[in-house]
Amino acid sequence: MMKQFDINPGVRTQLHSYLNKHSLTLKEAMDIEVHNNEVAKMIHAGLPMMVKKLYSEEKMQNLFWNKRDVIFDFISGRLQVSEAKKVVKKKRKEKQKK
């Protein structure tokens, strides 16, 4: 089910800002319960309303803490995919300018 959802750009930006502000990597944030809960809140805020109704913020925080390794792999994978897409878009724009 999780593979159906992408992390929206606003949440990605918020997540990067949070990690930079606290001088953490995503892995470090996922391994510290306080930061893990904040990451869960950010991701939860960006989910479609239907999913938010099914999974409360508290359930999401429990899931993120109890399955932090799996969730870390999922989030880092989604962030890498979005970065790769940015690179491809940038290259296309450069080619169009020429």
C-alpha atoms as a PDB file:
ATOM      1  CA  MET A   1       0.000   0.000   0.000  1.00  0.00           C
ATOM      2  CA  MET A   2       2.775   2.455   0.841  1.00  0.00           C
ATOM      3  CA  LYS A   3       4.262   2.191  -2.630  1.00  0.00           C
ATOM      4  CA  GLN A   4       1.159   3.908  -3.992  1.00  0.00           C
ATOM      5  CA  PHE A   5       2.026   7.184  -2.305  1.00  0.00           C
ATOM      6  CA  ASP A   6       4.632   9.708  -3.230  1.00  0.00           C
ATOM      7  CA  ILE A   7       6.019  12.353  -0.914  1.00  0.00           C
ATOM      8  CA  ASN A   8       4.728  15.677  -2.161  1.00  0.00           C
ATOM      9  CA  PRO A   9       7.180  18.525  -2.818  1.00  0.00           C
ATOM     10  CA  GLY A  10       5.988  20.583   0.159  1.00  0.00           C
ATOM     11  CA  VAL A  11       6.616  17.715   2.557  1.00  0.00           C
ATOM     12  CA  ARG A  12      10.014  17.031   0.966  1.00  0.00           C
ATOM     13  CA  THR A  13      10.998  20.671   1.467  1.00  0.00           C
ATOM     14  CA  GLN A  14       9.720  20.665   5.044  1.00  0.00           C
ATOM     15  CA  LEU A  15      11.574  17.423   5.774  1.00  0.00           C
ATOM     16  CA  HIS A  16      14.859  18.725   4.327  1.00  0.00           C
ATOM     17  CA  SER A  17      14.497  21.950   6.329  1.00  0.00           C
ATOM     18  CA  TYR A  18      13.806  20.038   9.529  1.00  0.00           C
ATOM     19  CA  LEU A  19      16.794  17.745   9.037  1.00  0.00           C
ATOM     20  CA  ASN A  20      19.094  20.668   8.218  1.00  0.00           C
ATOM     21  CA  LYS A  21      17.833  22.693  11.198  1.00  0.00           C
ATOM     22  CA  HIS A  22      18.626  19.826  13.578  1.00  0.00           C
ATOM     23  CA  SER A  23      21.805  18.749  11.731  1.00  0.00           C
ATOM     24  CA  LEU A  24      20.479  15.231  11.228  1.00  0.00           C
ATOM     25  CA  THR A  25      20.446  12.688   8.473  1.00  0.00           C
ATOM     26  CA  LEU A  26      17.187  10.921   7.762  1.00  0.00           C
ATOM     27  CA  LYS A  27      18.564   7.747   9.372  1.00  0.00           C
ATOM     28  CA  GLU A  28      19.541   9.601  12.545  1.00  0.00           C
ATOM     29  CA  ALA A  29      16.118  11.249  12.729  1.00  0.00           C
ATOM     30  CA  MET A  30      14.375   7.901  12.316  1.00  0.00           C
ATOM     31  CA  ASP A  31      16.442   6.375  15.140  1.00  0.00           C
ATOM     32  CA  ILE A  32      15.579   9.081  17.699  1.00  0.00           C
ATOM     33  CA  GLU A  33      11.971   8.811  18.829  1.00  0.00           C
ATOM     34  CA  VAL A  34      11.314  12.557  19.162  1.00  0.00           C
ATOM     35  CA  HIS A  35      12.555  13.271  15.640  1.00  0.00           C
ATOM     36  CA  ASN A  36      10.900  10.133  14.304  1.00  0.00           C
ATOM     37  CA  ASN A  37       7.554  11.465  15.565  1.00  0.00           C
ATOM     38  CA  GLU A  38       8.157  14.786  13.814  1.00  0.00           C
ATOM     39  CA  VAL A  39       8.971  13.040  10.541  1.00  0.00           C
ATOM     40  CA  ALA A  40       5.771  11.011  10.918  1.00  0.00           C
ATOM     41  CA  LYS A  41       3.774  14.214  11.478  1.00  0.00           C
ATOM     42  CA  MET A  42       5.211  15.783   8.326  1.00  0.00           C
ATOM     43  CA  ILE A  43       4.523  12.730   6.185  1.00  0.00           C
ATOM     44  CA  HIS A  44       1.029  12.350   7.670  1.00  0.00           C
ATOM     45  CA  ALA A  45       0.216  15.983   6.869  1.00  0.00           C
ATOM     46  CA  GLY A  46       1.018  15.361   3.192  1.00  0.00           C
ATOM     47  CA  LEU A  47      -1.134  12.257   2.788  1.00  0.00           C
ATOM     48  CA  PRO A  48      -4.475  12.244   0.973  1.00  0.00           C
ATOM     49  CA  MET A  49      -7.459  12.928   3.247  1.00  0.00           C
ATOM     50  CA  MET A  50      -8.806   9.385   2.891  1.00  0.00           C
ATOM     51  CA  VAL A  51      -5.567   7.924   4.210  1.00  0.00           C
ATOM     52  CA  LYS A  52      -5.454  10.465   7.040  1.00  0.00           C
ATOM     53  CA  LYS A  53      -8.897   9.297   8.112  1.00  0.00           C
ATOM     54  CA  LEU A  54      -7.770   5.655   8.113  1.00  0.00           C
ATOM     55  CA  TYR A  55      -4.451   6.331   9.863  1.00  0.00           C
ATOM     56  CA  SER A  56      -4.489   8.901  12.624  1.00  0.00           C
ATOM     57  CA  GLU A  57      -1.344  10.866  13.345  1.00  0.00           C
ATOM     58  CA  GLU A  58      -0.830   8.755  16.479  1.00  0.00           C
ATOM     59  CA  LYS A  59      -1.085   5.496  14.501  1.00  0.00           C
ATOM     60  CA  MET A  60       1.343   6.911  11.957  1.00  0.00           C
ATOM     61  CA  GLN A  61       3.823   7.803  14.702  1.00  0.00           C
ATOM     62  CA  ASN A  62       3.562   4.288  16.170  1.00  0.00           C
ATOM     63  CA  LEU A  63       4.069   2.759  12.734  1.00  0.00           C
ATOM     64  CA  PHE A  64       7.080   4.969  12.030  1.00  0.00           C
ATOM     65  CA  TRP A  65       8.684   4.099  15.371  1.00  0.00           C
ATOM     66  CA  ASN A  66       7.971   0.367  15.334  1.00  0.00           C
ATOM     67  CA  LYS A  67       8.892  -0.133  11.669  1.00  0.00           C
ATOM     68  CA  ARG A  68      11.530   2.593  11.406  1.00  0.00           C
ATOM     69  CA  ASP A  69      13.948   0.559   9.246  1.00  0.00           C
ATOM     70  CA  VAL A  70      11.284  -0.237   6.646  1.00  0.00           C
ATOM     71  CA  ILE A  71       9.926   3.312   6.726  1.00  0.00           C
ATOM     72  CA  PHE A  72      13.445   4.725   6.394  1.00  0.00           C
ATOM     73  CA  ASP A  73      14.057   2.617   3.287  1.00  0.00           C
ATOM     74  CA  PHE A  74      10.745   3.758   1.805  1.00  0.00           C
ATOM     75  CA  ILE A  75      11.274   7.481   2.514  1.00  0.00           C
ATOM     76  CA  SER A  76      14.893   7.532   1.383  1.00  0.00           C
ATOM     77  CA  GLY A  77      13.921   5.680  -1.790  1.00  0.00           C
ATOM     78  CA  ARG A  78      11.155   8.196  -2.531  1.00  0.00           C
ATOM     79  CA  LEU A  79      13.491  11.109  -1.908  1.00  0.00           C
ATOM     80  CA  GLN A  80      16.109   9.603  -4.244  1.00  0.00           C
ATOM     81  CA  VAL A  81      13.520   9.100  -6.972  1.00  0.00           C
ATOM     82  CA  SER A  82      12.398  12.706  -6.683  1.00  0.00           C
ATOM     83  CA  GLU A  83      16.009  13.928  -6.868  1.00  0.00           C
ATOM     84  CA  ALA A  84      16.591  11.810  -9.970  1.00  0.00           C
ATOM     85  CA  LYS A  85      13.483  13.305 -11.572  1.00  0.00           C
ATOM     86  CA  LYS A  86      14.802  16.806 -10.861  1.00  0.00           C
ATOM     87  CA  VAL A  87      18.079  15.983 -12.620  1.00  0.00           C
ATOM     88  CA  VAL A  88      16.249  14.632 -15.670  1.00  0.00           C
ATOM     89  CA  LYS A  89      14.006  17.724 -15.849  1.00  0.00           C
ATOM     90  CA  LYS A  90      17.016  20.011 -15.548  1.00  0.00           C
ATOM     91  CA  LYS A  91      18.806  18.209 -18.394  1.00  0.00           C
ATOM     92  CA  ARG A  92      15.692  18.464 -20.594  1.00  0.00           C
ATOM     93  CA  LYS A  93      15.441  22.191 -19.983  1.00  0.00           C
ATOM     94  CA  GLU A  94      19.106  22.635 -20.856  1.00  0.00           C
ATOM     95  CA  LYS A  95      18.635  20.722 -24.110  1.00  0.00           C
ATOM     96  CA  GLN A  96      15.574  22.821 -24.989  1.00  0.00           C
ATOM     97  CA  LYS A  97      17.548  26.032 -24.494  1.00  0.00           C
ATOM     98  CA  LYS A  98      20.161  24.931 -27.039  1.00  0.00           C
END
